Amino acid sequence: MYPFTLERPASLADAARLAAAGAKPLAGGQTLLASMKLRLSSPDQLADLSGIKELTGIKREGNSIVIGAMTRHLDVANSADVKSAIPALADLAANIGDRQVRAMGTLGGSVANNDPSACYPSAVLALGATIHTTGRKIAADDFFQGMFATALNEGELITAISFPIPKRAAYMKFKQPASRFALVGVFVAQFDAGVRVAVTGASSGVFRHAGLEAALGKSFTPEAAAGVKIDASDLNSDIHATAAYRANLISVQTQRGVAKALAG
């Protein structure tokens, strides 16, 4: 490591002031601290957000579940409100990383980092969530902008995310066994207005699949998903899997997700 200062703001206003002045926000630290140890990131100042109570908590507001940015994965997984309203989201949180990661990692940290193989971005995108920040509200479709890139401005902090409650939903993840990130993860959500399908782990960033959404909007069945050809041309190919293999996984995981959602 190297010298840096650690600030512990007690309020959101203090955190926003530090972030605006250039301090790097520290949420769960599951990515940032590892990057610092490898000297891939070298902030001069960190702002530890863990002491800000207004950034934690889970509540139901109308037809949405609102989760504070500093809420831990473990708390999302164990929340009675989430299990009742969006069980697929609780299931997703329960299978992130290992027990230590779930005990420390946060919803806001994961979404702000936008790792192309992270689980939460697929839920945010598939559920059409709204990201609340210190300055505005951002629709999920406008938030994710590619590998580790988001619509957040410099110094802007996520405060909460509101998830509309779907009729049915499911998340299926094919794990990369060493990292436990998604080799391919598919989140399927059915609403009265249609179906949203978000894919993580397969490309340079999370994305919606228009073909699967159209087919499942007409017939929400595994057979409808199986009939959609998945184009592999823009998918990742690496030591873990070829693009063609990932394309097949998208199809298979979508079919399984629809079946799981229907079994509900």
C-alpha atoms as a PDB file:
ATOM      1  CA  MET A   1       0.000   0.000   0.000  1.00  0.00           C
ATOM      2  CA  TYR A   2       1.000   3.670   0.036  1.00  0.00           C
ATOM      3  CA  PRO A   3       0.133   6.747   2.125  1.00  0.00           C
ATOM      4  CA  PHE A   4      -3.444   8.048   1.949  1.00  0.00           C
ATOM      5  CA  THR A   5      -5.898   9.709   4.301  1.00  0.00           C
ATOM      6  CA  LEU A   6      -9.112   8.050   5.478  1.00  0.00           C
ATOM      7  CA  GLU A   7     -12.116  10.195   6.275  1.00  0.00           C
ATOM      8  CA  ARG A   8     -15.210   8.906   8.059  1.00  0.00           C
ATOM      9  CA  PRO A   9     -18.096  11.238   7.217  1.00  0.00           C
ATOM     10  CA  ALA A  10     -21.056  10.943   9.577  1.00  0.00           C
ATOM     11  CA  SER A  11     -23.648  12.386   7.197  1.00  0.00           C
ATOM     12  CA  LEU A  12     -24.490  12.252   3.522  1.00  0.00           C
ATOM     13  CA  ALA A  13     -23.805  15.976   3.245  1.00  0.00           C
ATOM     14  CA  ASP A  14     -20.271  15.475   4.592  1.00  0.00           C
ATOM     15  CA  ALA A  15     -19.698  12.547   2.220  1.00  0.00           C
ATOM     16  CA  ALA A  16     -20.924  14.544  -0.756  1.00  0.00           C
ATOM     17  CA  ARG A  17     -18.605  17.419   0.186  1.00  0.00           C
ATOM     18  CA  LEU A  18     -15.604  15.085   0.413  1.00  0.00           C
ATOM     19  CA  ALA A  19     -16.484  13.361  -2.872  1.00  0.00           C
ATOM     20  CA  ALA A  20     -16.862  16.708  -4.622  1.00  0.00           C
ATOM     21  CA  ALA A  21     -13.399  17.630  -3.340  1.00  0.00           C
ATOM     22  CA  GLY A  22     -11.912  14.508  -4.898  1.00  0.00           C
ATOM     23  CA  ALA A  23     -12.083  11.872  -2.153  1.00  0.00           C
ATOM     24  CA  LYS A  24     -12.671   8.315  -3.405  1.00  0.00           C
ATOM     25  CA  PRO A  25     -15.844   6.821  -1.900  1.00  0.00           C
ATOM     26  CA  LEU A  26     -15.267   3.583   0.032  1.00  0.00           C
ATOM     27  CA  ALA A  27     -18.393   1.436   0.197  1.00  0.00           C
ATOM     28  CA  GLY A  28     -17.819  -2.273   0.870  1.00  0.00           C
ATOM     29  CA  GLY A  29     -14.278  -2.088  -0.473  1.00  0.00           C
ATOM     30  CA  GLN A  30     -14.489  -5.448  -2.218  1.00  0.00           C
ATOM     31  CA  THR A  31     -13.076  -4.013  -5.450  1.00  0.00           C
ATOM     32  CA  LEU A  32     -11.388  -0.796  -4.390  1.00  0.00           C
ATOM     33  CA  LEU A  33      -9.138  -2.232  -1.668  1.00  0.00           C
ATOM     34  CA  ALA A  34      -7.973  -5.065  -3.897  1.00  0.00           C
ATOM     35  CA  SER A  35      -7.199  -2.556  -6.648  1.00  0.00           C
ATOM     36  CA  MET A  36      -5.220  -0.434  -4.210  1.00  0.00           C
ATOM     37  CA  LYS A  37      -3.199  -3.420  -3.028  1.00  0.00           C
ATOM     38  CA  LEU A  38      -2.302  -4.152  -6.642  1.00  0.00           C
ATOM     39  CA  ARG A  39      -1.578  -0.429  -7.202  1.00  0.00           C
ATOM     40  CA  LEU A  40      -4.168  -0.294  -9.951  1.00  0.00           C
ATOM     41  CA  SER A  41      -5.841   2.499  -8.010  1.00  0.00           C
ATOM     42  CA  SER A  42      -4.017   5.094  -5.921  1.00  0.00           C
ATOM     43  CA  PRO A  43      -6.396   7.595  -4.334  1.00  0.00           C
ATOM     44  CA  ASP A  44      -4.902  10.176  -1.991  1.00  0.00           C
ATOM     45  CA  GLN A  45      -8.031  10.287   0.130  1.00  0.00           C
ATOM     46  CA  LEU A  46     -10.818   7.826   0.926  1.00  0.00           C
ATOM     47  CA  ALA A  47     -14.276   8.654   2.281  1.00  0.00           C
ATOM     48  CA  ASP A  48     -15.608   5.669   4.233  1.00  0.00           C
ATOM     49  CA  LEU A  49     -19.399   5.644   3.799  1.00  0.00           C
ATOM     50  CA  SER A  50     -20.079   2.872   6.328  1.00  0.00           C
ATOM     51  CA  GLY A  51     -21.042   5.231   9.150  1.00  0.00           C
ATOM     52  CA  ILE A  52     -23.826   7.009   7.243  1.00  0.00           C
ATOM     53  CA  LYS A  53     -27.082   5.490   8.504  1.00  0.00           C
ATOM     54  CA  GLU A  54     -29.229   7.288   5.926  1.00  0.00           C
ATOM     55  CA  LEU A  55     -27.571   5.214   3.178  1.00  0.00           C
ATOM     56  CA  THR A  56     -28.746   1.889   4.612  1.00  0.00           C
ATOM     57  CA  GLY A  57     -32.084   0.161   4.899  1.00  0.00           C
ATOM     58  CA  ILE A  58     -34.791  -1.528   2.862  1.00  0.00           C
ATOM     59  CA  LYS A  59     -38.397  -0.391   2.585  1.00  0.00           C
ATOM     60  CA  ARG A  60     -41.417  -0.837   0.376  1.00  0.00           C
ATOM     61  CA  GLU A  61     -42.804   2.294  -1.228  1.00  0.00           C
ATOM     62  CA  GLY A  62     -45.948   1.665  -3.271  1.00  0.00           C
ATOM     63  CA  ASN A  63     -45.097  -0.860  -5.954  1.00  0.00           C
ATOM     64  CA  SER A  64     -41.329  -0.607  -5.460  1.00  0.00           C
ATOM     65  CA  ILE A  65     -38.667  -1.840  -3.101  1.00  0.00           C
ATOM     66  CA  VAL A  66     -36.204   0.903  -2.170  1.00  0.00           C
ATOM     67  CA  ILE A  67     -32.771  -0.183  -0.975  1.00  0.00           C
ATOM     68  CA  GLY A  68     -30.134   2.132   0.469  1.00  0.00           C
ATOM     69  CA  ALA A  69     -26.821   2.221  -1.354  1.00  0.00           C
ATOM     70  CA  MET A  70     -24.796   1.007   1.653  1.00  0.00           C
ATOM     71  CA  THR A  71     -27.065  -1.972   2.312  1.00  0.00           C
ATOM     72  CA  ARG A  72     -24.977  -5.157   2.408  1.00  0.00           C
ATOM     73  CA  HIS A  73     -25.614  -8.089   0.091  1.00  0.00           C
ATOM     74  CA  LEU A  74     -26.379 -10.240   3.144  1.00  0.00           C
ATOM     75  CA  ASP A  75     -29.105  -7.858   4.280  1.00  0.00           C
ATOM     76  CA  VAL A  76     -30.741  -7.867   0.841  1.00  0.00           C
ATOM     77  CA  ALA A  77     -30.620 -11.669   0.771  1.00  0.00           C
ATOM     78  CA  ASN A  78     -32.237 -11.943   4.224  1.00  0.00           C
ATOM     79  CA  SER A  79     -34.800  -9.139   3.893  1.00  0.00           C
ATOM     80  CA  ALA A  80     -38.371 -10.304   4.391  1.00  0.00           C
ATOM     81  CA  ASP A  81     -39.604  -7.419   2.217  1.00  0.00           C
ATOM     82  CA  VAL A  82     -37.319  -8.363  -0.679  1.00  0.00           C
ATOM     83  CA  LYS A  83     -38.085 -12.079  -0.348  1.00  0.00           C
ATOM     84  CA  SER A  84     -41.793 -11.333  -0.448  1.00  0.00           C
ATOM     85  CA  ALA A  85     -41.845  -8.745  -3.240  1.00  0.00           C
ATOM     86  CA  ILE A  86     -38.870  -9.679  -5.464  1.00  0.00           C
ATOM     87  CA  PRO A  87     -37.573 -13.104  -4.423  1.00  0.00           C
ATOM     88  CA  ALA A  88     -35.305 -13.195  -7.481  1.00  0.00           C
ATOM     89  CA  LEU A  89     -33.401 -10.174  -6.103  1.00  0.00           C
ATOM     90  CA  ALA A  90     -32.954 -11.840  -2.714  1.00  0.00           C
ATOM     91  CA  ASP A  91     -31.758 -15.006  -4.451  1.00  0.00           C
ATOM     92  CA  LEU A  92     -29.274 -13.014  -6.532  1.00  0.00           C
ATOM     93  CA  ALA A  93     -27.833 -11.343  -3.418  1.00  0.00           C
ATOM     94  CA  ALA A  94     -27.590 -14.671  -1.593  1.00  0.00           C
ATOM     95  CA  ASN A  95     -25.307 -16.067  -4.287  1.00  0.00           C
ATOM     96  CA  ILE A  96     -22.852 -13.204  -4.745  1.00  0.00           C
ATOM     97  CA  GLY A  97     -19.249 -14.203  -4.047  1.00  0.00           C
ATOM     98  CA  ASP A  98     -18.702 -15.938  -0.720  1.00  0.00           C
ATOM     99  CA  ARG A  99     -19.918 -15.262   2.831  1.00  0.00           C
ATOM    100  CA  GLN A 100     -17.214 -12.680   3.505  1.00  0.00           C
ATOM    101  CA  VAL A 101     -18.049 -10.746   0.330  1.00  0.00           C
ATOM    102  CA  ARG A 102     -21.776 -10.832   1.115  1.00  0.00           C
ATOM    103  CA  ALA A 103     -21.106  -9.543   4.631  1.00  0.00           C
ATOM    104  CA  MET A 104     -19.100  -6.537   3.387  1.00  0.00           C
ATOM    105  CA  GLY A 105     -20.159  -5.801  -0.207  1.00  0.00           C
ATOM    106  CA  THR A 106     -22.865  -3.203  -0.851  1.00  0.00           C
ATOM    107  CA  LEU A 107     -25.541  -2.671  -3.474  1.00  0.00           C
ATOM    108  CA  GLY A 108     -24.405   0.859  -4.293  1.00  0.00           C
ATOM    109  CA  GLY A 109     -20.755  -0.085  -4.500  1.00  0.00           C
ATOM    110  CA  SER A 110     -21.450  -2.897  -6.935  1.00  0.00           C
ATOM    111  CA  VAL A 111     -23.683  -0.781  -9.176  1.00  0.00           C
ATOM    112  CA  ALA A 112     -21.329   2.217  -9.161  1.00  0.00           C
ATOM    113  CA  ASN A 113     -18.369  -0.025 -10.019  1.00  0.00           C
ATOM    114  CA  ASN A 114     -20.318  -1.726 -12.845  1.00  0.00           C
ATOM    115  CA  ASP A 115     -18.039  -4.721 -13.253  1.00  0.00           C
ATOM    116  CA  PRO A 116     -19.064  -6.400 -16.548  1.00  0.00           C
ATOM    117  CA  SER A 117     -19.532  -9.724 -14.715  1.00  0.00           C
ATOM    118  CA  ALA A 118     -21.272  -8.425 -11.577  1.00  0.00           C
ATOM    119  CA  CYS A 119     -24.726  -9.687 -10.664  1.00  0.00           C
ATOM    120  CA  TYR A 120     -26.518  -6.565  -9.400  1.00  0.00           C
ATOM    121  CA  PRO A 121     -26.362  -4.582 -12.665  1.00  0.00           C
ATOM    122  CA  SER A 122     -28.463  -7.273 -14.360  1.00  0.00           C
ATOM    123  CA  ALA A 123     -31.182  -6.916 -11.707  1.00  0.00           C
ATOM    124  CA  VAL A 124     -31.106  -3.120 -11.915  1.00  0.00           C
ATOM    125  CA  LEU A 125     -31.430  -3.219 -15.705  1.00  0.00           C
ATOM    126  CA  ALA A 126     -33.953  -6.060 -15.981  1.00  0.00           C
ATOM    127  CA  LEU A 127     -36.231  -4.590 -13.315  1.00  0.00           C
ATOM    128  CA  GLY A 128     -36.032  -1.102 -14.814  1.00  0.00           C
ATOM    129  CA  ALA A 129     -34.817   0.317 -11.521  1.00  0.00           C
ATOM    130  CA  THR A 130     -34.137   3.958 -10.744  1.00  0.00           C
ATOM    131  CA  ILE A 131     -30.775   4.986  -9.301  1.00  0.00           C
ATOM    132  CA  HIS A 132     -31.071   7.827  -6.769  1.00  0.00           C
ATOM    133  CA  THR A 133     -27.969   9.982  -6.340  1.00  0.00           C
ATOM    134  CA  THR A 134     -26.929  13.058  -4.417  1.00  0.00           C
ATOM    135  CA  GLY A 135     -28.080  15.163  -7.345  1.00  0.00           C
ATOM    136  CA  ARG A 136     -30.743  13.397  -9.392  1.00  0.00           C
ATOM    137  CA  LYS A 137     -32.558  10.182 -10.365  1.00  0.00           C
ATOM    138  CA  ILE A 138     -31.202   8.070 -13.232  1.00  0.00           C
ATOM    139  CA  ALA A 139     -33.151   5.387 -15.110  1.00  0.00           C
ATOM    140  CA  ALA A 140     -31.399   2.033 -15.378  1.00  0.00           C
ATOM    141  CA  ASP A 141     -31.465   2.195 -19.186  1.00  0.00           C
ATOM    142  CA  ASP A 142     -29.426   5.420 -19.028  1.00  0.00           C
ATOM    143  CA  PHE A 143     -27.072   4.425 -16.232  1.00  0.00           C
ATOM    144  CA  PHE A 144     -24.812   1.644 -17.527  1.00  0.00           C
ATOM    145  CA  GLN A 145     -22.414   2.821 -20.222  1.00  0.00           C
ATOM    146  CA  GLY A 146     -19.971  -0.032 -20.784  1.00  0.00           C
ATOM    147  CA  MET A 147     -17.124  -1.675 -18.896  1.00  0.00           C
ATOM    148  CA  PHE A 148     -16.769  -0.014 -15.463  1.00  0.00           C
ATOM    149  CA  ALA A 149     -18.496   3.072 -16.907  1.00  0.00           C
ATOM    150  CA  THR A 150     -21.718   4.673 -15.663  1.00  0.00           C
ATOM    151  CA  ALA A 151     -23.643   7.923 -15.951  1.00  0.00           C
ATOM    152  CA  LEU A 152     -22.370   9.075 -12.544  1.00  0.00           C
ATOM    153  CA  ASN A 153     -20.589  12.407 -12.598  1.00  0.00           C
ATOM    154  CA  GLU A 154     -17.352  13.009 -10.712  1.00  0.00           C
ATOM    155  CA  GLY A 155     -18.196  13.313  -7.018  1.00  0.00           C
ATOM    156  CA  GLU A 156     -21.790  12.080  -7.474  1.00  0.00           C
ATOM    157  CA  LEU A 157     -22.831   9.386  -4.981  1.00  0.00           C
ATOM    158  CA  ILE A 158     -25.557   6.748  -5.227  1.00  0.00           C
ATOM    159  CA  THR A 159     -27.907   7.077  -2.247  1.00  0.00           C
ATOM    160  CA  ALA A 160     -30.515   4.392  -3.005  1.00  0.00           C
ATOM    161  CA  ILE A 161     -32.003   2.275  -5.761  1.00  0.00           C
ATOM    162  CA  SER A 162     -35.737   1.708  -6.235  1.00  0.00           C
ATOM    163  CA  PHE A 163     -36.796  -1.560  -7.870  1.00  0.00           C
ATOM    164  CA  PRO A 164     -40.286  -1.869  -9.420  1.00  0.00           C
ATOM    165  CA  ILE A 165     -41.981  -5.084  -8.312  1.00  0.00           C
ATOM    166  CA  PRO A 166     -42.519  -7.434 -11.283  1.00  0.00           C
ATOM    167  CA  LYS A 167     -45.213 -10.045 -11.820  1.00  0.00           C
ATOM    168  CA  ARG A 168     -42.525 -12.695 -12.074  1.00  0.00           C
ATOM    169  CA  ALA A 169     -38.741 -12.714 -12.133  1.00  0.00           C
ATOM    170  CA  ALA A 170     -35.743 -15.009 -11.857  1.00  0.00           C
ATOM    171  CA  TYR A 171     -31.973 -14.777 -11.987  1.00  0.00           C
ATOM    172  CA  MET A 172     -29.814 -17.610 -13.289  1.00  0.00           C
ATOM    173  CA  LYS A 173     -26.039 -17.453 -12.947  1.00  0.00           C
ATOM    174  CA  PHE A 174     -23.435 -19.751 -14.446  1.00  0.00           C
ATOM    175  CA  LYS A 175     -20.502 -19.083 -12.111  1.00  0.00           C
ATOM    176  CA  GLN A 176     -16.878 -18.701 -12.995  1.00  0.00           C
ATOM    177  CA  PRO A 177     -15.690 -21.160 -10.319  1.00  0.00           C
ATOM    178  CA  ALA A 178     -12.608 -19.256  -9.141  1.00  0.00           C
ATOM    179  CA  SER A 179     -14.049 -15.752  -8.837  1.00  0.00           C
ATOM    180  CA  ARG A 180     -17.734 -16.675  -8.439  1.00  0.00           C
ATOM    181  CA  PHE A 181     -18.587 -13.814 -10.764  1.00  0.00           C
ATOM    182  CA  ALA A 182     -20.997 -14.583 -13.578  1.00  0.00           C
ATOM    183  CA  LEU A 183     -19.514 -16.304 -16.603  1.00  0.00           C
ATOM    184  CA  VAL A 184     -23.026 -15.605 -17.837  1.00  0.00           C
ATOM    185  CA  GLY A 185     -25.910 -14.386 -15.730  1.00  0.00           C
ATOM    186  CA  VAL A 186     -29.440 -13.726 -17.005  1.00  0.00           C
ATOM    187  CA  PHE A 187     -32.129 -11.809 -15.116  1.00  0.00           C
ATOM    188  CA  VAL A 188     -35.646 -12.179 -16.524  1.00  0.00           C
ATOM    189  CA  ALA A 189     -38.499  -9.955 -15.328  1.00  0.00           C
ATOM    190  CA  GLN A 190     -42.119  -9.987 -16.487  1.00  0.00           C
ATOM    191  CA  PHE A 191     -44.296  -6.894 -16.055  1.00  0.00           C
ATOM    192  CA  ASP A 192     -47.794  -6.057 -17.307  1.00  0.00           C
ATOM    193  CA  ALA A 193     -46.119  -3.825 -19.891  1.00  0.00           C
ATOM    194  CA  GLY A 194     -43.790  -6.518 -21.170  1.00  0.00           C
ATOM    195  CA  VAL A 195     -40.655  -8.526 -20.412  1.00  0.00           C
ATOM    196  CA  ARG A 196     -37.140  -7.287 -19.710  1.00  0.00           C
ATOM    197  CA  VAL A 197     -34.085  -9.545 -20.032  1.00  0.00           C
ATOM    198  CA  ALA A 198     -30.647  -8.395 -18.877  1.00  0.00           C
ATOM    199  CA  VAL A 199     -27.404 -10.303 -19.411  1.00  0.00           C
ATOM    200  CA  THR A 200     -24.187  -9.953 -17.430  1.00  0.00           C
ATOM    201  CA  GLY A 201     -20.797 -11.608 -17.810  1.00  0.00           C
ATOM    202  CA  ALA A 202     -21.123 -12.220 -21.529  1.00  0.00           C
ATOM    203  CA  SER A 203     -19.901  -8.942 -22.988  1.00  0.00           C
ATOM    204  CA  SER A 204     -18.059  -5.729 -22.113  1.00  0.00           C
ATOM    205  CA  GLY A 205     -20.972  -4.675 -19.954  1.00  0.00           C
ATOM    206  CA  VAL A 206     -24.472  -5.583 -18.869  1.00  0.00           C
ATOM    207  CA  PHE A 207     -27.046  -5.358 -21.676  1.00  0.00           C
ATOM    208  CA  ARG A 208     -30.678  -6.033 -22.502  1.00  0.00           C
ATOM    209  CA  HIS A 209     -31.510  -8.620 -25.167  1.00  0.00           C
ATOM    210  CA  ALA A 210     -34.210  -7.295 -27.477  1.00  0.00           C
ATOM    211  CA  GLY A 211     -34.843 -10.620 -29.247  1.00  0.00           C
ATOM    212  CA  LEU A 212     -35.488 -12.513 -26.032  1.00  0.00           C
ATOM    213  CA  GLU A 213     -37.672  -9.700 -24.703  1.00  0.00           C
ATOM    214  CA  ALA A 214     -39.822  -9.681 -27.846  1.00  0.00           C
ATOM    215  CA  ALA A 215     -40.261 -13.452 -27.890  1.00  0.00           C
ATOM    216  CA  LEU A 216     -41.052 -13.703 -24.182  1.00  0.00           C
ATOM    217  CA  GLY A 217     -43.408 -10.739 -24.404  1.00  0.00           C
ATOM    218  CA  LYS A 218     -45.507 -12.795 -26.832  1.00  0.00           C
ATOM    219  CA  SER A 219     -45.184 -16.078 -24.960  1.00  0.00           C
ATOM    220  CA  PHE A 220     -43.535 -16.254 -21.535  1.00  0.00           C
ATOM    221  CA  THR A 221     -42.335 -19.835 -21.897  1.00  0.00           C
ATOM    222  CA  PRO A 222     -38.983 -21.638 -22.047  1.00  0.00           C
ATOM    223  CA  GLU A 223     -39.878 -22.753 -25.565  1.00  0.00           C
ATOM    224  CA  ALA A 224     -40.204 -19.150 -26.744  1.00  0.00           C
ATOM    225  CA  ALA A 225     -36.763 -18.352 -25.345  1.00  0.00           C
ATOM    226  CA  ALA A 226     -35.302 -21.457 -26.990  1.00  0.00           C
ATOM    227  CA  GLY A 227     -36.506 -20.237 -30.363  1.00  0.00           C
ATOM    228  CA  VAL A 228     -34.394 -17.062 -30.228  1.00  0.00           C
ATOM    229  CA  LYS A 229     -31.025 -17.223 -31.957  1.00  0.00           C
ATOM    230  CA  ILE A 230     -28.315 -15.602 -29.831  1.00  0.00           C
ATOM    231  CA  ASP A 231     -25.713 -13.705 -31.870  1.00  0.00           C
ATOM    232  CA  ALA A 232     -22.213 -14.407 -30.541  1.00  0.00           C
ATOM    233  CA  SER A 233     -20.389 -11.744 -32.575  1.00  0.00           C
ATOM    234  CA  ASP A 234     -20.246  -9.153 -29.768  1.00  0.00           C
ATOM    235  CA  LEU A 235     -19.730 -11.582 -26.898  1.00  0.00           C
ATOM    236  CA  ASN A 236     -16.539 -12.228 -24.933  1.00  0.00           C
ATOM    237  CA  SER A 237     -14.173 -15.023 -25.854  1.00  0.00           C
ATOM    238  CA  ASP A 238     -11.411 -15.791 -23.351  1.00  0.00           C
ATOM    239  CA  ILE A 239      -9.690 -18.587 -21.411  1.00  0.00           C
ATOM    240  CA  HIS A 240     -12.927 -19.328 -19.560  1.00  0.00           C
ATOM    241  CA  ALA A 241     -15.336 -19.655 -22.490  1.00  0.00           C
ATOM    242  CA  THR A 242     -15.696 -18.935 -26.181  1.00  0.00           C
ATOM    243  CA  ALA A 243     -18.213 -16.436 -27.500  1.00  0.00           C
ATOM    244  CA  ALA A 244     -20.263 -19.319 -28.930  1.00  0.00           C
ATOM    245  CA  TYR A 245     -20.341 -21.015 -25.534  1.00  0.00           C
ATOM    246  CA  ARG A 246     -21.505 -17.809 -23.883  1.00  0.00           C
ATOM    247  CA  ALA A 247     -24.215 -17.415 -26.532  1.00  0.00           C
ATOM    248  CA  ASN A 248     -25.456 -20.902 -25.744  1.00  0.00           C
ATOM    249  CA  LEU A 249     -25.388 -20.112 -22.021  1.00  0.00           C
ATOM    250  CA  ILE A 250     -27.524 -17.008 -22.572  1.00  0.00           C
ATOM    251  CA  SER A 251     -30.163 -19.165 -24.250  1.00  0.00           C
ATOM    252  CA  VAL A 252     -30.031 -21.953 -21.682  1.00  0.00           C
ATOM    253  CA  GLN A 253     -30.001 -19.638 -18.654  1.00  0.00           C
ATOM    254  CA  THR A 254     -32.921 -17.650 -20.060  1.00  0.00           C
ATOM    255  CA  GLN A 255     -34.943 -20.812 -20.563  1.00  0.00           C
ATOM    256  CA  ARG A 256     -34.157 -21.939 -17.037  1.00  0.00           C
ATOM    257  CA  GLY A 257     -34.945 -18.497 -15.674  1.00  0.00           C
ATOM    258  CA  VAL A 258     -38.370 -18.428 -17.301  1.00  0.00           C
ATOM    259  CA  ALA A 259     -39.139 -21.912 -15.989  1.00  0.00           C
ATOM    260  CA  LYS A 260     -38.048 -20.869 -12.505  1.00  0.00           C
ATOM    261  CA  ALA A 261     -40.130 -17.694 -12.648  1.00  0.00           C
ATOM    262  CA  LEU A 262     -43.215 -19.637 -13.729  1.00  0.00           C
ATOM    263  CA  ALA A 263     -42.688 -22.180 -10.949  1.00  0.00           C
ATOM    264  CA  GLY A 264     -42.466 -19.263  -8.647  1.00  0.00           C
END
